[in-house]
Amino acid sequence: MHGAPRLPVPDPDGGLRASSVRRQCAPIEGLLVSSRSAKHRKPKRGTRHSSSARHRKPSPIANALQNHPGKTAAAVTGAVLIAAAAPIATHWAGDVGVGQAAVLSKGHDGELPGASDTPAPDHTQAQAAAVYKNPLRDITGLIPERIDQGVDFGGTGPIYALGNAVITNATATNYGWPGGGWITYQLTDGPGKGLMVFVAEDVRPTVSAGDHVTAETVIAKMYDGGAGIETGWAMASGFTAESQLAEAGGISGAGPFPTSVGLNFEELLQALGVPAANNRGDSPSGVLPAQYPRDWASALKSS
């Protein structure tokens, strides 16, 4: 049987040899060349190499150029451009400052690397103002003393109103109280709305009857006159301390102390941060009228 025509083909040793032409292709020294596209061409595991290249490990760049020439060329071009731009970016960072230099390191979407999509907490929102504040917060050398008709303190400095109120009395010459000071104001807001407060003894008023005040208003200056001050609940008329009313037990300056009315005012002051009086653990005398909140801490939280 006659064989197929033979054609000369290159011989690895430099000569020519004949090989039969098949329907596909004949193997040439271990390489199988198929009819598929060149992008799927891959050397077989048994490919022979020359003695000088047998132990040489191909470099990653060579492999990349062989298998993905288009992508590798683009990557190399990009790397060259980045390397060329690095000194310029460093120069800009030195000239324009950290803020603008940071822009250079932003990603393609404009976000800084590692930036979170979660918005930062907003700490600028205004907080609700407390309805009442500590009226003795700026007294120098504040000394809590006893509870009697109101609550006694020593020290010097400004005295504020508890909260929004209207001044009903303001005098330095009411000598029914040691030192002569007598100031009253009616609360117009909060859980004590409508109640009357007094500040008496070693105080000089800085307001007048009819004035509208807030928790930021200094209503008197406390001085060191030997008597200290007393502050507490006053009668609705502003005439004197609430504890002297018959319904509160009719307790005047002679005691017994502490009064229930005085203890109630001291609990309000404590809820606002004023130190406790030295006799607050004693059993109170008299009666607390119904219009006064019994739990000031809860009343202030719900207001």
Protein backbone atom coordinates (compact mmCIF):
# COMPACT_ATOMS: atom_id res chain seq x y z
CA MET A 1 0.00 0.00 0.00
CA HIS A 2 1.47 3.37 -1.00
CA GLY A 3 2.09 5.90 1.77
CA ALA A 4 1.05 9.57 1.83
CA PRO A 5 3.39 12.09 0.17
CA ARG A 6 6.30 13.11 2.36
CA LEU A 7 7.38 16.74 2.85
CA PRO A 8 10.62 18.00 4.32
CA VAL A 9 10.31 19.41 7.82
CA PRO A 10 12.92 21.00 10.13
CA ASP A 11 15.02 18.57 12.09
CA PRO A 12 16.07 19.51 15.67
CA ASP A 13 19.67 18.71 14.74
CA GLY A 14 19.71 21.32 11.97
CA GLY A 15 18.82 19.07 9.00
CA LEU A 16 15.62 18.15 7.26
CA ARG A 17 13.54 15.06 7.65
CA ALA A 18 10.37 13.87 6.11
CA SER A 19 7.08 13.44 7.91
CA SER A 20 3.71 12.27 6.83
CA VAL A 21 1.06 14.95 6.53
CA ARG A 22 -1.91 13.99 8.60
CA ARG A 23 -5.45 15.47 8.69
CA GLN A 24 -4.53 17.52 11.77
CA CYS A 25 -0.82 18.15 12.41
CA ALA A 26 2.15 15.94 13.20
CA PRO A 27 4.04 16.20 16.55
CA ILE A 28 7.28 18.16 16.34
CA GLU A 29 9.67 17.33 19.15
CA GLY A 30 6.95 17.00 21.78
CA LEU A 31 4.81 20.02 20.73
CA LEU A 32 1.29 19.37 19.59
CA VAL A 33 -0.01 22.17 17.39
CA SER A 34 -3.79 21.98 17.16
CA SER A 35 -6.24 23.70 14.90
CA ARG A 36 -7.53 25.79 17.86
CA SER A 37 -6.85 29.52 18.35
CA ALA A 38 -3.37 30.44 19.55
CA LYS A 39 -4.71 31.85 22.81
CA HIS A 40 -5.41 28.32 23.98
CA ARG A 41 -1.90 27.09 23.04
CA LYS A 42 -0.14 25.62 26.04
CA PRO A 43 3.15 23.69 26.22
CA LYS A 44 2.84 20.02 27.13
CA ARG A 45 4.47 18.80 30.31
CA GLY A 46 7.00 16.69 28.31
CA THR A 47 8.44 19.58 26.25
CA ARG A 48 12.21 19.27 25.89
CA HIS A 49 14.53 22.19 26.46
CA SER A 50 18.17 22.72 25.59
CA SER A 51 20.75 21.83 28.19
CA SER A 52 21.37 25.51 29.01
CA ALA A 53 17.72 26.26 29.63
CA ARG A 54 16.76 23.00 31.33
CA HIS A 55 17.40 24.23 34.86
CA ARG A 56 16.43 27.88 34.24
CA LYS A 57 13.10 28.87 35.85
CA PRO A 58 11.11 31.12 33.53
CA SER A 59 10.53 34.59 35.01
CA PRO A 60 6.94 35.69 35.86
CA ILE A 61 7.21 38.50 33.31
CA ALA A 62 8.24 36.06 30.57
CA ASN A 63 5.35 33.77 31.40
CA ALA A 64 2.97 36.69 31.44
CA LEU A 65 4.22 37.96 28.08
CA GLN A 66 3.83 34.53 26.60
CA ASN A 67 0.34 33.79 27.93
CA HIS A 68 -1.27 37.28 28.13
CA PRO A 69 0.76 39.68 25.99
CA GLY A 70 -1.97 42.35 25.72
CA LYS A 71 -2.76 42.55 29.45
CA THR A 72 0.91 42.41 30.46
CA ALA A 73 1.84 45.27 28.13
CA ALA A 74 -0.89 47.42 29.64
CA ALA A 75 0.20 46.56 33.19
CA VAL A 76 3.83 47.39 32.45
CA THR A 77 2.82 50.70 30.86
CA GLY A 78 0.71 51.56 33.93
CA ALA A 79 3.55 50.72 36.30
CA VAL A 80 5.91 52.98 34.35
CA LEU A 81 3.43 55.85 34.49
CA ILE A 82 2.90 55.40 38.26
CA ALA A 83 6.65 55.32 38.91
CA ALA A 84 7.08 58.48 36.85
CA ALA A 85 4.25 60.27 38.67
CA ALA A 86 5.42 59.38 42.22
CA PRO A 87 8.02 62.20 42.54
CA ILE A 88 5.46 64.72 41.23
CA ALA A 89 2.85 63.59 43.77
CA THR A 90 5.44 63.85 46.53
CA HIS A 91 6.30 67.37 45.41
CA TRP A 92 2.61 68.35 45.40
CA ALA A 93 2.17 66.90 48.92
CA GLY A 94 5.02 69.09 50.14
CA ASP A 95 3.62 72.21 48.47
CA VAL A 96 -0.12 72.00 48.98
CA GLY A 97 -0.33 70.29 52.37
CA VAL A 98 -1.81 67.12 53.81
CA GLY A 99 -5.42 67.85 52.90
CA GLN A 100 -4.81 68.16 49.16
CA ALA A 101 -2.20 65.42 49.13
CA ALA A 102 -4.80 63.08 50.59
CA VAL A 103 -6.92 63.66 47.49
CA LEU A 104 -4.16 62.07 45.41
CA SER A 105 -4.58 58.81 47.31
CA LYS A 106 -8.34 58.60 46.85
CA GLY A 107 -9.78 55.67 44.94
CA HIS A 108 -11.54 55.91 41.60
CA ASP A 109 -14.82 56.57 43.36
CA GLY A 110 -13.45 59.56 45.32
CA GLU A 111 -13.42 57.78 48.70
CA LEU A 112 -10.35 57.58 50.89
CA PRO A 113 -8.99 54.03 51.25
CA GLY A 114 -10.72 52.28 54.14
CA ALA A 115 -13.40 54.96 54.42
CA SER A 116 -16.67 53.71 55.86
CA ASP A 117 -20.04 54.29 54.27
CA THR A 118 -21.50 54.75 57.77
CA PRO A 119 -22.00 58.47 58.50
CA ALA A 120 -20.15 59.86 61.49
CA PRO A 121 -22.31 60.55 64.56
CA ASP A 122 -23.63 64.08 64.64
CA HIS A 123 -22.53 65.66 67.92
CA THR A 124 -23.72 69.14 66.97
CA GLN A 125 -27.42 68.64 67.63
CA ALA A 126 -28.69 70.85 70.45
CA GLN A 127 -29.56 69.02 73.64
CA ALA A 128 -32.79 69.74 75.44
CA ALA A 129 -32.16 72.31 78.19
CA ALA A 130 -32.80 71.20 81.77
CA VAL A 131 -36.01 72.69 83.12
CA TYR A 132 -34.30 73.54 86.45
CA LYS A 133 -30.63 74.02 87.38
CA ASN A 134 -28.63 74.11 90.58
CA PRO A 135 -29.13 77.70 91.85
CA LEU A 136 -25.98 77.52 94.03
CA ARG A 137 -23.61 76.18 91.35
CA ASP A 138 -21.24 79.16 91.49
CA ILE A 139 -21.12 79.71 95.26
CA THR A 140 -17.56 79.77 96.60
CA GLY A 141 -17.00 77.63 99.70
CA LEU A 142 -20.56 76.27 99.73
CA ILE A 143 -21.37 74.72 103.11
CA PRO A 144 -24.60 72.69 103.44
CA GLU A 145 -26.08 73.21 106.89
CA ARG A 146 -29.41 72.22 108.43
CA ILE A 147 -32.94 71.87 107.10
CA ASP A 148 -35.42 74.06 109.02
CA GLN A 149 -38.26 76.00 107.32
CA GLY A 150 -36.11 75.86 104.20
CA VAL A 151 -32.46 74.81 103.80
CA ASP A 152 -29.47 76.74 105.26
CA PHE A 153 -26.10 77.26 103.50
CA GLY A 154 -22.84 79.13 104.04
CA GLY A 155 -20.57 80.61 101.37
CA THR A 156 -20.33 83.61 99.03
CA GLY A 157 -21.21 84.35 95.42
CA PRO A 158 -24.08 84.51 92.93
CA ILE A 159 -27.44 82.81 93.40
CA TYR A 160 -29.53 81.90 90.34
CA ALA A 161 -33.23 81.26 89.91
CA LEU A 162 -34.16 77.59 89.73
CA GLY A 163 -35.75 78.05 86.31
CA ASN A 164 -38.21 80.24 84.42
CA ALA A 165 -40.00 82.44 86.93
CA VAL A 166 -41.38 85.87 87.83
CA ILE A 167 -39.90 87.85 90.75
CA THR A 168 -42.58 88.79 93.31
CA ASN A 169 -40.46 90.29 96.13
CA ALA A 170 -36.90 91.66 96.20
CA THR A 171 -35.64 93.55 99.26
CA ALA A 172 -32.55 93.81 101.47
CA THR A 173 -34.43 95.29 104.44
CA ASN A 174 -36.86 92.60 105.59
CA TYR A 175 -35.63 92.32 109.14
CA GLY A 176 -37.92 89.46 109.98
CA TRP A 177 -34.96 87.46 108.67
CA PRO A 178 -31.34 87.77 109.85
CA GLY A 179 -29.38 89.94 107.42
CA GLY A 180 -32.59 91.48 105.98
CA GLY A 181 -32.58 89.84 102.55
CA TRP A 182 -35.89 88.54 101.18
CA ILE A 183 -36.50 87.52 97.57
CA THR A 184 -39.40 85.44 96.28
CA TYR A 185 -40.22 84.19 92.78
CA GLN A 186 -42.99 82.05 91.27
CA LEU A 187 -41.98 79.24 88.92
CA THR A 188 -43.68 79.42 85.52
CA ASP A 189 -42.44 76.13 84.04
CA GLY A 190 -41.60 72.54 84.93
CA PRO A 191 -43.02 70.20 87.58
CA GLY A 192 -43.04 73.01 90.17
CA LYS A 193 -45.00 75.43 88.00
CA GLY A 194 -47.01 77.83 90.23
CA LEU A 195 -44.95 77.16 93.36
CA MET A 196 -43.27 80.06 95.20
CA VAL A 197 -39.56 80.00 96.18
CA PHE A 198 -37.83 82.21 98.74
CA VAL A 199 -34.16 83.18 99.23
CA ALA A 200 -33.47 85.00 102.52
CA GLU A 201 -30.94 86.35 105.06
CA ASP A 202 -27.38 87.29 103.90
CA VAL A 203 -28.33 88.16 100.31
CA ARG A 204 -28.56 91.35 98.28
CA PRO A 205 -31.08 91.20 95.41
CA THR A 206 -29.92 91.93 91.85
CA VAL A 207 -33.48 91.87 90.43
CA SER A 208 -36.76 93.73 91.04
CA ALA A 209 -40.35 92.63 91.52
CA GLY A 210 -41.95 91.90 88.15
CA ASP A 211 -38.76 90.75 86.44
CA HIS A 212 -38.93 87.58 84.34
CA VAL A 213 -35.95 85.36 85.00
CA THR A 214 -34.48 82.02 83.90
CA ALA A 215 -32.08 79.45 85.34
CA GLU A 216 -29.25 81.61 83.93
CA THR A 217 -30.35 84.78 85.79
CA VAL A 218 -28.43 85.85 88.89
CA ILE A 219 -31.14 87.03 91.29
CA ALA A 220 -28.95 87.78 94.35
CA LYS A 221 -25.42 87.95 95.71
CA MET A 222 -24.66 85.98 98.84
CA TYR A 223 -22.21 87.64 101.23
CA ASP A 224 -20.49 86.54 104.41
CA GLY A 225 -22.60 88.28 107.04
CA GLY A 226 -22.54 85.57 109.69
CA ALA A 227 -26.09 84.30 109.14
CA GLY A 228 -25.64 82.46 105.84
CA ILE A 229 -28.71 82.04 103.65
CA GLU A 230 -31.94 80.09 103.76
CA THR A 231 -33.92 79.04 100.69
CA GLY A 232 -37.10 77.00 100.39
CA TRP A 233 -40.82 77.05 99.60
CA ALA A 234 -42.72 80.27 100.36
CA MET A 235 -46.40 80.91 100.80
CA ALA A 236 -48.29 81.70 97.59
CA SER A 237 -48.58 85.28 98.83
CA GLY A 238 -44.80 85.53 99.19
CA PHE A 239 -45.24 86.75 102.78
CA THR A 240 -43.13 84.10 104.56
CA ALA A 241 -42.12 80.43 104.55
CA GLU A 242 -44.72 77.83 103.56
CA SER A 243 -44.03 75.77 106.69
CA GLN A 244 -45.74 78.47 108.80
CA LEU A 245 -49.11 77.80 107.16
CA ALA A 246 -51.56 75.87 109.31
CA GLU A 247 -51.96 73.22 106.61
CA ALA A 248 -48.18 72.63 106.72
CA GLY A 249 -48.09 72.34 110.52
CA GLY A 250 -47.65 76.02 111.47
CA ILE A 251 -43.92 75.63 112.18
CA SER A 252 -41.98 78.89 112.47
CA GLY A 253 -38.36 79.74 113.26
CA ALA A 254 -38.50 77.99 116.64
CA GLY A 255 -38.93 74.53 115.11
CA PRO A 256 -39.11 71.58 115.48
CA PHE A 257 -36.81 70.83 112.55
CA PRO A 258 -36.50 69.59 109.92
CA THR A 259 -39.91 70.49 108.53
CA SER A 260 -41.58 68.34 105.88
CA VAL A 261 -41.73 71.39 103.59
CA GLY A 262 -38.03 72.12 104.10
CA LEU A 263 -37.10 68.47 103.50
CA ASN A 264 -39.06 68.47 100.22
CA PHE A 265 -37.16 71.52 98.94
CA GLU A 266 -33.85 69.94 99.98
CA GLU A 267 -34.73 66.84 97.92
CA LEU A 268 -35.23 69.07 94.87
CA LEU A 269 -31.83 70.69 95.44
CA GLN A 270 -30.19 67.28 95.78
CA ALA A 271 -31.73 66.18 92.48
CA LEU A 272 -30.00 69.21 90.93
CA GLY A 273 -26.61 68.37 92.43
CA VAL A 274 -26.55 70.38 95.68
CA PRO A 275 -24.87 68.57 98.61
CA ALA A 276 -27.13 67.05 101.27
CA ALA A 277 -27.94 68.87 104.51
CA ASN A 278 -26.50 67.55 107.76
CA ASN A 279 -29.88 66.66 109.35
CA ARG A 280 -31.69 65.21 106.35
CA GLY A 281 -31.86 61.78 108.01
CA ASP A 282 -33.93 63.11 110.91
CA SER A 283 -37.67 62.55 111.12
CA PRO A 284 -39.53 65.59 109.69
CA SER A 285 -42.20 67.61 111.46
CA GLY A 286 -45.35 69.11 109.96
CA VAL A 287 -47.20 68.15 106.79
CA LEU A 288 -46.28 68.51 103.12
CA PRO A 289 -49.22 70.11 101.25
CA ALA A 290 -50.60 68.17 98.28
CA GLN A 291 -49.35 70.54 95.54
CA TYR A 292 -45.69 69.59 96.05
CA PRO A 293 -44.19 66.69 94.04
CA ARG A 294 -43.13 63.80 96.31
CA ASP A 295 -40.40 62.42 94.01
CA TRP A 296 -38.36 65.23 92.48
CA ALA A 297 -35.88 62.99 90.67
CA SER A 298 -38.69 61.30 88.71
CA ALA A 299 -40.59 64.58 88.20
CA LEU A 300 -37.53 66.25 86.67
CA LYS A 301 -36.83 63.30 84.33
CA SER A 302 -40.40 63.35 82.98
CA SER A 303 -40.52 67.12 82.55
